[in-house]
PDB file of N, CA and C in Angstrom:
ATOM      1  N   MET A   1       1.182  -4.502  -8.696  1.00  0.00           N
ATOM      2  CA  MET A   1       2.535  -4.318  -9.149  1.00  0.00           C
ATOM      3  C   MET A   1       3.149  -5.640  -9.590  1.00  0.00           C
ATOM      4  N   THR A   2       2.840  -6.724  -8.892  1.00  0.00           N
ATOM      5  CA  THR A   2       3.412  -8.021  -9.221  1.00  0.00           C
ATOM      6  C   THR A   2       2.550  -9.132  -8.667  1.00  0.00           C
ATOM      7  N   ASP A   3       2.811 -10.337  -9.142  1.00  0.00           N
ATOM      8  CA  ASP A   3       2.160 -11.509  -8.579  1.00  0.00           C
ATOM      9  C   ASP A   3       2.987 -12.090  -7.444  1.00  0.00           C
ATOM     10  N   ASN A   4       4.128 -11.499  -7.118  1.00  0.00           N
ATOM     11  CA  ASN A   4       4.977 -11.996  -6.039  1.00  0.00           C
ATOM     12  C   ASN A   4       4.235 -11.855  -4.721  1.00  0.00           C
ATOM     13  N   PRO A   5       3.872 -12.979  -4.080  1.00  0.00           N
ATOM     14  CA  PRO A   5       3.056 -12.898  -2.863  1.00  0.00           C
ATOM     15  C   PRO A   5       3.778 -12.285  -1.672  1.00  0.00           C
ATOM     16  N   LEU A   6       5.091 -12.212  -1.695  1.00  0.00           N
ATOM     17  CA  LEU A   6       5.836 -11.652  -0.566  1.00  0.00           C
ATOM     18  C   LEU A   6       5.918 -10.129  -0.603  1.00  0.00           C
ATOM     19  N   TRP A   7       5.814  -9.535  -1.792  1.00  0.00           N
ATOM     20  CA  TRP A   7       6.038  -8.091  -1.926  1.00  0.00           C
ATOM     21  C   TRP A   7       5.124  -7.227  -1.053  1.00  0.00           C
ATOM     22  N   PRO A   8       3.816  -7.481  -0.992  1.00  0.00           N
ATOM     23  CA  PRO A   8       2.955  -6.596  -0.192  1.00  0.00           C
ATOM     24  C   PRO A   8       3.361  -6.509   1.282  1.00  0.00           C
ATOM     25  N   TRP A   9       3.966  -7.548   1.812  1.00  0.00           N
ATOM     26  CA  TRP A   9       4.353  -7.529   3.230  1.00  0.00           C
ATOM     27  C   TRP A   9       5.824  -7.196   3.406  1.00  0.00           C
ATOM     28  N   GLU A  10       6.690  -7.957   2.790  1.00  0.00           N
ATOM     29  CA  GLU A  10       8.123  -7.750   2.971  1.00  0.00           C
ATOM     30  C   GLU A  10       8.636  -6.558   2.167  1.00  0.00           C
ATOM     31  N   GLY A  11       7.996  -6.256   1.070  1.00  0.00           N
ATOM     32  CA  GLY A  11       8.443  -5.162   0.217  1.00  0.00           C
ATOM     33  C   GLY A  11       8.239  -3.787   0.811  1.00  0.00           C
ATOM     34  N   ARG A  12       7.288  -3.644   1.705  1.00  0.00           N
ATOM     35  CA  ARG A  12       7.009  -2.302   2.253  1.00  0.00           C
ATOM     36  C   ARG A  12       8.185  -1.733   3.037  1.00  0.00           C
ATOM     37  N   ASP A  13       9.045  -2.600   3.578  1.00  0.00           N
ATOM     38  CA  ASP A  13      10.219  -2.145   4.324  1.00  0.00           C
ATOM     39  C   ASP A  13      11.515  -2.293   3.528  1.00  0.00           C
ATOM     40  N   TRP A  14      11.412  -2.670   2.268  1.00  0.00           N
ATOM     41  CA  TRP A  14      12.590  -2.872   1.424  1.00  0.00           C
ATOM     42  C   TRP A  14      13.224  -1.522   1.109  1.00  0.00           C
ATOM     43  N   PRO A  15      14.550  -1.407   1.185  1.00  0.00           N
ATOM     44  CA  PRO A  15      15.198  -0.129   0.872  1.00  0.00           C
ATOM     45  C   PRO A  15      14.823   0.377  -0.525  1.00  0.00           C
ATOM     46  N   ASN A  16      14.521   1.633  -0.621  1.00  0.00           N
ATOM     47  CA  ASN A  16      14.158   2.299  -1.876  1.00  0.00           C
ATOM     48  C   ASN A  16      12.934   1.671  -2.546  1.00  0.00           C
ATOM     49  N   ALA A  17      12.023   1.139  -1.745  1.00  0.00           N
ATOM     50  CA  ALA A  17      10.824   0.471  -2.283  1.00  0.00           C
ATOM     51  C   ALA A  17       9.998   1.396  -3.169  1.00  0.00           C
ATOM     52  N   GLY A  18      10.064   2.683  -2.939  1.00  0.00           N
ATOM     53  CA  GLY A  18       9.287   3.633  -3.724  1.00  0.00           C
ATOM     54  C   GLY A  18       9.675   3.693  -5.190  1.00  0.00           C
ATOM     55  N   VAL A  19      10.865   3.204  -5.532  1.00  0.00           N
ATOM     56  CA  VAL A  19      11.299   3.203  -6.934  1.00  0.00           C
ATOM     57  C   VAL A  19      11.343   1.780  -7.495  1.00  0.00           C
ATOM     58  N   SER A  20      10.722   0.839  -6.787  1.00  0.00           N
ATOM     59  CA  SER A  20      10.676  -0.557  -7.237  1.00  0.00           C
ATOM     60  C   SER A  20       9.581  -0.768  -8.264  1.00  0.00           C
ATOM     61  N   ARG A  21       9.829  -1.687  -9.164  1.00  0.00           N
ATOM     62  CA  ARG A  21       8.813  -2.151 -10.104  1.00  0.00           C
ATOM     63  C   ARG A  21       9.180  -3.574 -10.510  1.00  0.00           C
ATOM     64  N   PHE A  22       8.262  -4.230 -11.189  1.00  0.00           N
ATOM     65  CA  PHE A  22       8.493  -5.595 -11.646  1.00  0.00           C
ATOM     66  C   PHE A  22       8.333  -5.641 -13.155  1.00  0.00           C
ATOM     67  N   VAL A  23       9.283  -6.291 -13.813  1.00  0.00           N
ATOM     68  CA  VAL A  23       9.315  -6.381 -15.266  1.00  0.00           C
ATOM     69  C   VAL A  23       9.381  -7.857 -15.648  1.00  0.00           C
ATOM     70  N   ARG A  24       8.487  -8.286 -16.510  1.00  0.00           N
ATOM     71  CA  ARG A  24       8.477  -9.682 -16.978  1.00  0.00           C
ATOM     72  C   ARG A  24       9.401  -9.796 -18.182  1.00  0.00           C
ATOM     73  N   ALA A  25      10.452 -10.622 -18.072  1.00  0.00           N
ATOM     74  CA  ALA A  25      11.388 -10.835 -19.179  1.00  0.00           C
ATOM     75  C   ALA A  25      12.101 -12.170 -18.989  1.00  0.00           C
ATOM     76  N   ALA A  26      12.328 -12.869 -20.075  1.00  0.00           N
ATOM     77  CA  ALA A  26      13.072 -14.135 -20.067  1.00  0.00           C
ATOM     78  C   ALA A  26      12.501 -15.143 -19.074  1.00  0.00           C
ATOM     79  N   GLY A  27      11.187 -15.133 -18.904  1.00  0.00           N
ATOM     80  CA  GLY A  27      10.538 -16.093 -18.028  1.00  0.00           C
ATOM     81  C   GLY A  27      10.572 -15.754 -16.553  1.00  0.00           C
ATOM     82  N   PHE A  28      11.047 -14.571 -16.205  1.00  0.00           N
ATOM     83  CA  PHE A  28      11.126 -14.144 -14.808  1.00  0.00           C
ATOM     84  C   PHE A  28      10.351 -12.852 -14.605  1.00  0.00           C
ATOM     85  N   ASP A  29       9.835 -12.657 -13.399  1.00  0.00           N
ATOM     86  CA  ASP A  29       9.317 -11.358 -12.969  1.00  0.00           C
ATOM     87  C   ASP A  29      10.451 -10.690 -12.201  1.00  0.00           C
ATOM     88  N   TRP A  30      11.175  -9.825 -12.884  1.00  0.00           N
ATOM     89  CA  TRP A  30      12.358  -9.177 -12.313  1.00  0.00           C
ATOM     90  C   TRP A  30      11.949  -8.028 -11.402  1.00  0.00           C
ATOM     91  N   HIS A  31      12.522  -7.994 -10.219  1.00  0.00           N
ATOM     92  CA  HIS A  31      12.370  -6.838  -9.343  1.00  0.00           C
ATOM     93  C   HIS A  31      13.492  -5.875  -9.704  1.00  0.00           C
ATOM     94  N   VAL A  32      13.120  -4.680 -10.148  1.00  0.00           N
ATOM     95  CA  VAL A  32      14.102  -3.665 -10.526  1.00  0.00           C
ATOM     96  C   VAL A  32      13.806  -2.371  -9.781  1.00  0.00           C
ATOM     97  N   GLN A  33      14.851  -1.608  -9.566  1.00  0.00           N
ATOM     98  CA  GLN A  33      14.718  -0.279  -8.984  1.00  0.00           C
ATOM     99  C   GLN A  33      15.416   0.698  -9.911  1.00  0.00           C
ATOM    100  N   ARG A  34      14.740   1.815 -10.186  1.00  0.00           N
ATOM    101  CA  ARG A  34      15.301   2.828 -11.080  1.00  0.00           C
ATOM    102  C   ARG A  34      15.048   4.195 -10.477  1.00  0.00           C
ATOM    103  N   ILE A  35      16.109   5.009 -10.448  1.00  0.00           N
ATOM    104  CA  ILE A  35      16.013   6.326  -9.835  1.00  0.00           C
ATOM    105  C   ILE A  35      17.025   7.263 -10.499  1.00  0.00           C
ATOM    106  N   GLY A  36      16.689   8.531 -10.573  1.00  0.00           N
ATOM    107  CA  GLY A  36      17.604   9.542 -11.075  1.00  0.00           C
ATOM    108  C   GLY A  36      17.483   9.779 -12.564  1.00  0.00           C
ATOM    109  N   SER A  37      18.347  10.651 -13.067  1.00  0.00           N
ATOM    110  CA  SER A  37      18.407  10.940 -14.498  1.00  0.00           C
ATOM    111  C   SER A  37      19.834  11.325 -14.848  1.00  0.00           C
ATOM    112  N   GLY A  38      20.155  11.165 -16.108  1.00  0.00           N
ATOM    113  CA  GLY A  38      21.509  11.434 -16.577  1.00  0.00           C
ATOM    114  C   GLY A  38      22.065  10.201 -17.263  1.00  0.00           C
ATOM    115  N   PRO A  39      23.382  10.100 -17.359  1.00  0.00           N
ATOM    116  CA  PRO A  39      23.980   8.901 -17.944  1.00  0.00           C
ATOM    117  C   PRO A  39      23.556   7.661 -17.154  1.00  0.00           C
ATOM    118  N   LYS A  40      23.426   6.553 -17.849  1.00  0.00           N
ATOM    119  CA  LYS A  40      22.928   5.330 -17.210  1.00  0.00           C
ATOM    120  C   LYS A  40      24.027   4.591 -16.445  1.00  0.00           C
ATOM    121  N   VAL A  41      23.640   4.074 -15.273  1.00  0.00           N
ATOM    122  CA  VAL A  41      24.509   3.235 -14.448  1.00  0.00           C
ATOM    123  C   VAL A  41      23.701   2.007 -14.054  1.00  0.00           C
ATOM    124  N   VAL A  42      24.268   0.817 -14.255  1.00  0.00           N
ATOM    125  CA  VAL A  42      23.616  -0.433 -13.861  1.00  0.00           C
ATOM    126  C   VAL A  42      24.406  -1.027 -12.703  1.00  0.00           C
ATOM    127  N   LEU A  43      23.703  -1.336 -11.616  1.00  0.00           N
ATOM    128  CA  LEU A  43      24.323  -1.927 -10.431  1.00  0.00           C
ATOM    129  C   LEU A  43      23.923  -3.397 -10.343  1.00  0.00           C
ATOM    130  N   LEU A  44      24.898  -4.295 -10.296  1.00  0.00           N
ATOM    131  CA  LEU A  44      24.644  -5.731 -10.191  1.00  0.00           C
ATOM    132  C   LEU A  44      25.226  -6.245  -8.879  1.00  0.00           C
ATOM    133  N   HIS A  45      24.412  -6.942  -8.114  1.00  0.00           N
ATOM    134  CA  HIS A  45      24.867  -7.489  -6.835  1.00  0.00           C
ATOM    135  C   HIS A  45      25.547  -8.838  -7.034  1.00  0.00           C
ATOM    136  N   GLY A  46      26.210  -9.303  -5.992  1.00  0.00           N
ATOM    137  CA  GLY A  46      26.864 -10.609  -6.022  1.00  0.00           C
ATOM    138  C   GLY A  46      25.959 -11.704  -5.479  1.00  0.00           C
ATOM    139  N   THR A  47      26.501 -12.900  -5.364  1.00  0.00           N
ATOM    140  CA  THR A  47      25.757 -14.048  -4.860  1.00  0.00           C
ATOM    141  C   THR A  47      25.322 -13.806  -3.420  1.00  0.00           C
ATOM    142  N   GLY A  48      24.071 -14.153  -3.134  1.00  0.00           N
ATOM    143  CA  GLY A  48      23.541 -14.011  -1.786  1.00  0.00           C
ATOM    144  C   GLY A  48      23.118 -12.598  -1.436  1.00  0.00           C
ATOM    145  N   ALA A  49      23.095 -11.714  -2.400  1.00  0.00           N
ATOM    146  CA  ALA A  49      22.729 -10.319  -2.157  1.00  0.00           C
ATOM    147  C   ALA A  49      21.488  -9.973  -2.976  1.00  0.00           C
ATOM    148  N   ALA A  50      21.126  -8.696  -2.990  1.00  0.00           N
ATOM    149  CA  ALA A  50      19.956  -8.214  -3.727  1.00  0.00           C
ATOM    150  C   ALA A  50      20.083  -6.699  -3.864  1.00  0.00           C
ATOM    151  N   THR A  51      19.019  -6.063  -4.337  1.00  0.00           N
ATOM    152  CA  THR A  51      19.069  -4.606  -4.503  1.00  0.00           C
ATOM    153  C   THR A  51      19.327  -3.888  -3.185  1.00  0.00           C
ATOM    154  N   HIS A  52      19.040  -4.535  -2.062  1.00  0.00           N
ATOM    155  CA  HIS A  52      19.300  -3.878  -0.775  1.00  0.00           C
ATOM    156  C   HIS A  52      20.789  -3.566  -0.603  1.00  0.00           C
ATOM    157  N   SER A  53      21.652  -4.247  -1.359  1.00  0.00           N
ATOM    158  CA  SER A  53      23.091  -3.972  -1.297  1.00  0.00           C
ATOM    159  C   SER A  53      23.405  -2.530  -1.684  1.00  0.00           C
ATOM    160  N   TRP A  54      22.526  -1.935  -2.479  1.00  0.00           N
ATOM    161  CA  TRP A  54      22.749  -0.588  -3.011  1.00  0.00           C
ATOM    162  C   TRP A  54      21.898   0.464  -2.303  1.00  0.00           C
ATOM    163  N   ARG A  55      21.316   0.128  -1.151  1.00  0.00           N
ATOM    164  CA  ARG A  55      20.359   1.017  -0.478  1.00  0.00           C
ATOM    165  C   ARG A  55      20.901   2.416  -0.226  1.00  0.00           C
ATOM    166  N   ASP A  56      22.164   2.542   0.127  1.00  0.00           N
ATOM    167  CA  ASP A  56      22.725   3.865   0.396  1.00  0.00           C
ATOM    168  C   ASP A  56      23.332   4.503  -0.852  1.00  0.00           C
ATOM    169  N   ALA A  57      23.896   3.694  -1.730  1.00  0.00           N
ATOM    170  CA  ALA A  57      24.563   4.222  -2.923  1.00  0.00           C
ATOM    171  C   ALA A  57      23.582   4.759  -3.960  1.00  0.00           C
ATOM    172  N   MET A  58      22.430   4.099  -4.109  1.00  0.00           N
ATOM    173  CA  MET A  58      21.487   4.511  -5.159  1.00  0.00           C
ATOM    174  C   MET A  58      21.052   5.969  -5.044  1.00  0.00           C
ATOM    175  N   PRO A  59      20.586   6.428  -3.881  1.00  0.00           N
ATOM    176  CA  PRO A  59      20.169   7.833  -3.797  1.00  0.00           C
ATOM    177  C   PRO A  59      21.321   8.811  -4.056  1.00  0.00           C
ATOM    178  N   LEU A  60      22.526   8.454  -3.651  1.00  0.00           N
ATOM    179  CA  LEU A  60      23.673   9.330  -3.899  1.00  0.00           C
ATOM    180  C   LEU A  60      24.000   9.400  -5.389  1.00  0.00           C
ATOM    181  N   LEU A  61      24.024   8.260  -6.049  1.00  0.00           N
ATOM    182  CA  LEU A  61      24.307   8.227  -7.483  1.00  0.00           C
ATOM    183  C   LEU A  61      23.206   8.900  -8.300  1.00  0.00           C
ATOM    184  N   ALA A  62      21.967   8.820  -7.804  1.00  0.00           N
ATOM    185  CA  ALA A  62      20.814   9.355  -8.539  1.00  0.00           C
ATOM    186  C   ALA A  62      20.879  10.862  -8.737  1.00  0.00           C
ATOM    187  N   SER A  63      21.686  11.549  -7.963  1.00  0.00           N
ATOM    188  CA  SER A  63      21.787  12.996  -8.156  1.00  0.00           C
ATOM    189  C   SER A  63      22.534  13.343  -9.447  1.00  0.00           C
ATOM    190  N   HIS A  64      23.218  12.359 -10.038  1.00  0.00           N
ATOM    191  CA  HIS A  64      23.971  12.600 -11.275  1.00  0.00           C
ATOM    192  C   HIS A  64      23.699  11.586 -12.382  1.00  0.00           C
ATOM    193  N   PHE A  65      23.049  10.461 -12.035  1.00  0.00           N
ATOM    194  CA  PHE A  65      22.897   9.362 -12.987  1.00  0.00           C
ATOM    195  C   PHE A  65      21.487   8.788 -12.979  1.00  0.00           C
ATOM    196  N   ASP A  66      21.145   8.100 -14.066  1.00  0.00           N
ATOM    197  CA  ASP A  66      19.948   7.259 -14.156  1.00  0.00           C
ATOM    198  C   ASP A  66      20.405   5.882 -13.673  1.00  0.00           C
ATOM    199  N   VAL A  67      20.020   5.504 -12.459  1.00  0.00           N
ATOM    200  CA  VAL A  67      20.544   4.307 -11.801  1.00  0.00           C
ATOM    201  C   VAL A  67      19.524   3.174 -11.877  1.00  0.00           C
ATOM    202  N   LEU A  68      19.964   2.011 -12.345  1.00  0.00           N
ATOM    203  CA  LEU A  68      19.131   0.819 -12.421  1.00  0.00           C
ATOM    204  C   LEU A  68      19.807  -0.293 -11.634  1.00  0.00           C
ATOM    205  N   ALA A  69      19.063  -0.886 -10.708  1.00  0.00           N
ATOM    206  CA  ALA A  69      19.534  -2.059  -9.965  1.00  0.00           C
ATOM    207  C   ALA A  69      18.452  -3.115 -10.058  1.00  0.00           C
ATOM    208  N   MET A  70      18.850  -4.372 -10.073  1.00  0.00           N
ATOM    209  CA  MET A  70      17.870  -5.454 -10.176  1.00  0.00           C
ATOM    210  C   MET A  70      18.264  -6.591  -9.257  1.00  0.00           C
ATOM    211  N   ASP A  71      17.253  -7.331  -8.820  1.00  0.00           N
ATOM    212  CA  ASP A  71      17.502  -8.575  -8.105  1.00  0.00           C
ATOM    213  C   ASP A  71      17.689  -9.657  -9.158  1.00  0.00           C
ATOM    214  N   LEU A  72      18.837 -10.296  -9.161  1.00  0.00           N
ATOM    215  CA  LEU A  72      19.084 -11.378 -10.108  1.00  0.00           C
ATOM    216  C   LEU A  72      18.221 -12.582  -9.750  1.00  0.00           C
ATOM    217  N   PRO A  73      17.946 -13.480 -10.701  1.00  0.00           N
ATOM    218  CA  PRO A  73      17.084 -14.636 -10.422  1.00  0.00           C
ATOM    219  C   PRO A  73      17.550 -15.425  -9.195  1.00  0.00           C
ATOM    220  N   GLY A  74      16.587 -15.725  -8.328  1.00  0.00           N
ATOM    221  CA  GLY A  74      16.877 -16.456  -7.103  1.00  0.00           C
ATOM    222  C   GLY A  74      17.299 -15.582  -5.941  1.00  0.00           C
ATOM    223  N   HIS A  75      17.298 -14.271  -6.147  1.00  0.00           N
ATOM    224  CA  HIS A  75      17.707 -13.326  -5.110  1.00  0.00           C
ATOM    225  C   HIS A  75      16.614 -12.282  -4.907  1.00  0.00           C
ATOM    226  N   GLY A  76      16.538 -11.739  -3.703  1.00  0.00           N
ATOM    227  CA  GLY A  76      15.564 -10.684  -3.426  1.00  0.00           C
ATOM    228  C   GLY A  76      14.163 -11.095  -3.830  1.00  0.00           C
ATOM    229  N   PHE A  77      13.524 -10.280  -4.663  1.00  0.00           N
ATOM    230  CA  PHE A  77      12.140 -10.529  -5.079  1.00  0.00           C
ATOM    231  C   PHE A  77      12.009 -11.036  -6.516  1.00  0.00           C
ATOM    232  N   THR A  78      13.126 -11.374  -7.176  1.00  0.00           N
ATOM    233  CA  THR A  78      13.050 -11.935  -8.533  1.00  0.00           C
ATOM    234  C   THR A  78      12.894 -13.439  -8.442  1.00  0.00           C
TER     235      THR A  78
END
């Protein structure tokens, strides 16, 4: 899934890990989570946070929306 050496161990307990993937763009391997279908919603965390900030909201929003959350550079697994 990624060259991130931490993902195989720390990622297994990461919230919503089943919808995680890694995308190479702009020189980064971005950790993104995508779930649901419908109109698109993008969730961006603040400083010192990561996709885990949305652990409870993502499944709820996914019943009506195509939800995308990402770890910004220097946070989480990006």
